[in-house]
Amino acid sequence: MKEQFTKWLNRILVADVFFVFLIFGWFAIAVLGKSTGISLGWELWLKLWQPVFNPALGLLMAGAILSGIMNWVAKRLNPDV
């Protein structure tokens, strides 16, 4: 059961990392467009920040912390492995 949970947690975290990279790429392009006066989605990015991007970052941080705690506890319970 723990292995299955860990496997799915890692899959979700990998997908979330790629989503966060996509978000950052869009942010960089939108800021560049905003500074040159070209609309490249800055307003849409700002509208999606709170309902979509912020939870994605929170999920990534919480998952990383949870994964680290699970690995730490597994090492403490099985020091010979």
N, C-alpha and C. Protein backbone atom coordinates (compact mmCIF):
# COMPACT_ATOMS: atom_id res chain seq x y z
N MET A 1 0.84 -1.20 0.00
CA MET A 1 0.00 0.00 0.00
C MET A 1 0.87 1.25 0.00
N LYS A 2 1.91 1.27 0.86
CA LYS A 2 2.79 2.44 0.90
C LYS A 2 3.51 2.63 -0.42
N GLU A 3 3.93 1.53 -1.03
CA GLU A 3 4.64 1.63 -2.31
C GLU A 3 3.73 2.19 -3.39
N GLN A 4 2.48 1.75 -3.40
CA GLN A 4 1.51 2.25 -4.39
C GLN A 4 1.25 3.74 -4.18
N PHE A 5 1.09 4.14 -2.93
CA PHE A 5 0.87 5.56 -2.63
C PHE A 5 2.08 6.39 -3.05
N THR A 6 3.27 5.90 -2.74
CA THR A 6 4.49 6.62 -3.10
C THR A 6 4.64 6.72 -4.61
N LYS A 7 4.29 5.66 -5.32
CA LYS A 7 4.40 5.68 -6.78
C LYS A 7 3.46 6.73 -7.37
N TRP A 8 2.24 6.78 -6.90
CA TRP A 8 1.29 7.76 -7.41
C TRP A 8 1.66 9.19 -6.99
N LEU A 9 2.16 9.34 -5.78
CA LEU A 9 2.61 10.65 -5.34
C LEU A 9 3.74 11.16 -6.23
N ASN A 10 4.68 10.29 -6.55
CA ASN A 10 5.79 10.69 -7.41
C ASN A 10 5.32 11.02 -8.82
N ARG A 11 4.36 10.28 -9.34
CA ARG A 11 3.81 10.59 -10.67
C ARG A 11 3.14 11.96 -10.69
N ILE A 12 2.36 12.22 -9.65
CA ILE A 12 1.67 13.52 -9.57
C ILE A 12 2.68 14.64 -9.44
N LEU A 13 3.72 14.43 -8.65
CA LEU A 13 4.74 15.47 -8.47
C LEU A 13 5.52 15.72 -9.76
N VAL A 14 5.82 14.68 -10.51
CA VAL A 14 6.53 14.88 -11.78
C VAL A 14 5.66 15.67 -12.75
N ALA A 15 4.39 15.31 -12.85
CA ALA A 15 3.48 16.06 -13.73
C ALA A 15 3.37 17.51 -13.26
N ASP A 16 3.30 17.72 -11.96
CA ASP A 16 3.19 19.06 -11.42
C ASP A 16 4.46 19.88 -11.67
N VAL A 17 5.62 19.25 -11.61
CA VAL A 17 6.87 19.96 -11.90
C VAL A 17 6.86 20.47 -13.33
N PHE A 18 6.45 19.63 -14.28
CA PHE A 18 6.39 20.08 -15.66
C PHE A 18 5.37 21.19 -15.85
N PHE A 19 4.24 21.11 -15.14
CA PHE A 19 3.24 22.18 -15.20
C PHE A 19 3.81 23.48 -14.65
N VAL A 20 4.56 23.41 -13.55
CA VAL A 20 5.16 24.61 -12.97
C VAL A 20 6.21 25.20 -13.92
N PHE A 21 6.99 24.33 -14.59
CA PHE A 21 7.94 24.84 -15.60
C PHE A 21 7.20 25.55 -16.73
N LEU A 22 6.08 25.00 -17.16
CA LEU A 22 5.26 25.62 -18.20
C LEU A 22 4.74 26.98 -17.73
N ILE A 23 4.27 27.03 -16.49
CA ILE A 23 3.80 28.28 -15.91
C ILE A 23 4.92 29.32 -15.92
N PHE A 24 6.12 28.92 -15.51
CA PHE A 24 7.24 29.86 -15.47
C PHE A 24 7.60 30.35 -16.87
N GLY A 25 7.59 29.44 -17.84
CA GLY A 25 7.87 29.86 -19.21
C GLY A 25 6.86 30.86 -19.71
N TRP A 26 5.59 30.60 -19.43
CA TRP A 26 4.54 31.53 -19.83
C TRP A 26 4.74 32.88 -19.13
N PHE A 27 5.08 32.84 -17.84
CA PHE A 27 5.32 34.06 -17.09
C PHE A 27 6.45 34.88 -17.71
N ALA A 28 7.55 34.22 -18.04
CA ALA A 28 8.69 34.93 -18.63
C ALA A 28 8.32 35.56 -19.97
N ILE A 29 7.61 34.82 -20.80
CA ILE A 29 7.20 35.35 -22.11
C ILE A 29 6.21 36.49 -21.93
N ALA A 30 5.27 36.34 -20.99
CA ALA A 30 4.26 37.39 -20.77
C ALA A 30 4.90 38.66 -20.23
N VAL A 31 5.89 38.54 -19.34
CA VAL A 31 6.58 39.73 -18.81
C VAL A 31 7.37 40.41 -19.93
N LEU A 32 8.02 39.62 -20.76
CA LEU A 32 8.75 40.18 -21.89
C LEU A 32 7.80 40.92 -22.83
N GLY A 33 6.67 40.31 -23.11
CA GLY A 33 5.67 40.96 -23.95
C GLY A 33 5.11 42.22 -23.32
N LYS A 34 4.86 42.18 -22.03
CA LYS A 34 4.33 43.36 -21.33
C LYS A 34 5.32 44.50 -21.38
N SER A 35 6.62 44.19 -21.24
CA SER A 35 7.63 45.26 -21.26
C SER A 35 7.81 45.86 -22.65
N THR A 36 7.48 45.10 -23.70
CA THR A 36 7.59 45.64 -25.05
C THR A 36 6.27 46.18 -25.58
N GLY A 37 5.21 46.03 -24.81
CA GLY A 37 3.91 46.55 -25.21
C GLY A 37 3.09 45.58 -26.05
N ILE A 38 3.54 44.35 -26.18
CA ILE A 38 2.82 43.33 -26.94
C ILE A 38 2.05 42.45 -25.96
N SER A 39 0.79 42.21 -26.26
CA SER A 39 -0.02 41.37 -25.37
C SER A 39 0.29 39.90 -25.63
N LEU A 40 0.97 39.26 -24.67
CA LEU A 40 1.29 37.85 -24.78
C LEU A 40 0.68 37.04 -23.65
N GLY A 41 -0.44 37.50 -23.13
CA GLY A 41 -1.15 36.74 -22.12
C GLY A 41 -0.90 37.15 -20.69
N TRP A 42 -0.37 38.33 -20.47
CA TRP A 42 -0.08 38.78 -19.11
C TRP A 42 -1.36 38.89 -18.28
N GLU A 43 -2.40 39.47 -18.84
CA GLU A 43 -3.64 39.65 -18.09
C GLU A 43 -4.27 38.30 -17.75
N LEU A 44 -4.24 37.37 -18.71
CA LEU A 44 -4.79 36.04 -18.45
C LEU A 44 -3.95 35.31 -17.40
N TRP A 45 -2.64 35.46 -17.46
CA TRP A 45 -1.76 34.82 -16.48
C TRP A 45 -2.10 35.33 -15.08
N LEU A 46 -2.30 36.64 -14.96
CA LEU A 46 -2.64 37.21 -13.65
C LEU A 46 -3.99 36.69 -13.15
N LYS A 47 -4.96 36.54 -14.05
CA LYS A 47 -6.27 36.03 -13.65
C LYS A 47 -6.19 34.58 -13.19
N LEU A 48 -5.28 33.80 -13.78
CA LEU A 48 -5.15 32.38 -13.43
C LEU A 48 -4.21 32.13 -12.25
N TRP A 49 -3.52 33.16 -11.80
CA TRP A 49 -2.54 32.97 -10.72
C TRP A 49 -3.18 32.38 -9.47
N GLN A 50 -4.21 33.03 -8.96
CA GLN A 50 -4.81 32.60 -7.69
C GLN A 50 -5.55 31.26 -7.81
N PRO A 51 -6.42 31.07 -8.80
CA PRO A 51 -7.18 29.81 -8.79
C PRO A 51 -6.45 28.59 -9.35
N VAL A 52 -5.39 28.76 -10.16
CA VAL A 52 -4.76 27.61 -10.81
C VAL A 52 -3.30 27.46 -10.41
N PHE A 53 -2.51 28.51 -10.61
CA PHE A 53 -1.07 28.39 -10.46
C PHE A 53 -0.62 28.32 -9.00
N ASN A 54 -1.25 29.10 -8.15
CA ASN A 54 -0.90 29.10 -6.73
C ASN A 54 -1.13 27.71 -6.10
N PRO A 55 -2.28 27.07 -6.34
CA PRO A 55 -2.45 25.71 -5.81
C PRO A 55 -1.46 24.70 -6.39
N ALA A 56 -1.07 24.87 -7.66
CA ALA A 56 -0.10 23.96 -8.26
C ALA A 56 1.24 24.07 -7.54
N LEU A 57 1.66 25.28 -7.22
CA LEU A 57 2.90 25.47 -6.48
C LEU A 57 2.78 24.92 -5.06
N GLY A 58 1.64 25.12 -4.43
CA GLY A 58 1.41 24.59 -3.08
C GLY A 58 1.42 23.07 -3.07
N LEU A 59 0.81 22.46 -4.08
CA LEU A 59 0.81 21.01 -4.19
C LEU A 59 2.24 20.48 -4.38
N LEU A 60 3.01 21.17 -5.18
CA LEU A 60 4.39 20.75 -5.39
C LEU A 60 5.19 20.83 -4.10
N MET A 61 5.05 21.90 -3.36
CA MET A 61 5.78 22.04 -2.09
C MET A 61 5.31 21.02 -1.06
N ALA A 62 4.00 20.86 -0.93
CA ALA A 62 3.46 19.90 0.05
C ALA A 62 3.86 18.47 -0.31
N GLY A 63 3.81 18.14 -1.58
CA GLY A 63 4.19 16.80 -2.00
C GLY A 63 5.66 16.52 -1.78
N ALA A 64 6.50 17.51 -2.02
CA ALA A 64 7.93 17.33 -1.80
C ALA A 64 8.21 17.14 -0.31
N ILE A 65 7.55 17.90 0.53
CA ILE A 65 7.74 17.76 1.97
C ILE A 65 7.23 16.40 2.44
N LEU A 66 6.05 16.00 1.96
CA LEU A 66 5.48 14.70 2.33
C LEU A 66 6.38 13.56 1.87
N SER A 67 6.89 13.65 0.67
CA SER A 67 7.79 12.62 0.16
C SER A 67 9.06 12.53 0.99
N GLY A 68 9.62 13.68 1.36
CA GLY A 68 10.81 13.69 2.21
C GLY A 68 10.55 13.09 3.58
N ILE A 69 9.42 13.42 4.17
CA ILE A 69 9.07 12.87 5.48
C ILE A 69 8.87 11.36 5.39
N MET A 70 8.22 10.90 4.33
CA MET A 70 8.00 9.45 4.18
C MET A 70 9.34 8.72 4.03
N ASN A 71 10.25 9.29 3.25
CA ASN A 71 11.57 8.66 3.10
C ASN A 71 12.35 8.67 4.41
N TRP A 72 12.26 9.75 5.16
CA TRP A 72 12.95 9.85 6.44
C TRP A 72 12.41 8.81 7.43
N VAL A 73 11.08 8.69 7.49
CA VAL A 73 10.47 7.71 8.39
C VAL A 73 10.84 6.29 7.96
N ALA A 74 10.85 6.02 6.66
CA ALA A 74 11.23 4.69 6.18
C ALA A 74 12.68 4.36 6.55
N LYS A 75 13.57 5.32 6.48
CA LYS A 75 14.96 5.09 6.86
C LYS A 75 15.08 4.83 8.37
N ARG A 76 14.29 5.55 9.15
CA ARG A 76 14.33 5.37 10.61
C ARG A 76 13.78 4.01 11.01
N LEU A 77 12.77 3.52 10.32
CA LEU A 77 12.17 2.24 10.65
C LEU A 77 12.99 1.07 10.14
N ASN A 78 13.71 1.26 9.05
CA ASN A 78 14.53 0.20 8.45
C ASN A 78 15.94 0.72 8.23
N PRO A 79 16.75 0.81 9.29
CA PRO A 79 18.09 1.38 9.13
C PRO A 79 19.05 0.49 8.36
N ASP A 80 18.77 -0.81 8.25
CA ASP A 80 19.69 -1.72 7.58
C ASP A 80 19.48 -1.77 6.06
N VAL A 81 18.44 -1.13 5.55
CA VAL A 81 18.16 -1.17 4.10
C VAL A 81 18.91 -0.10 3.37
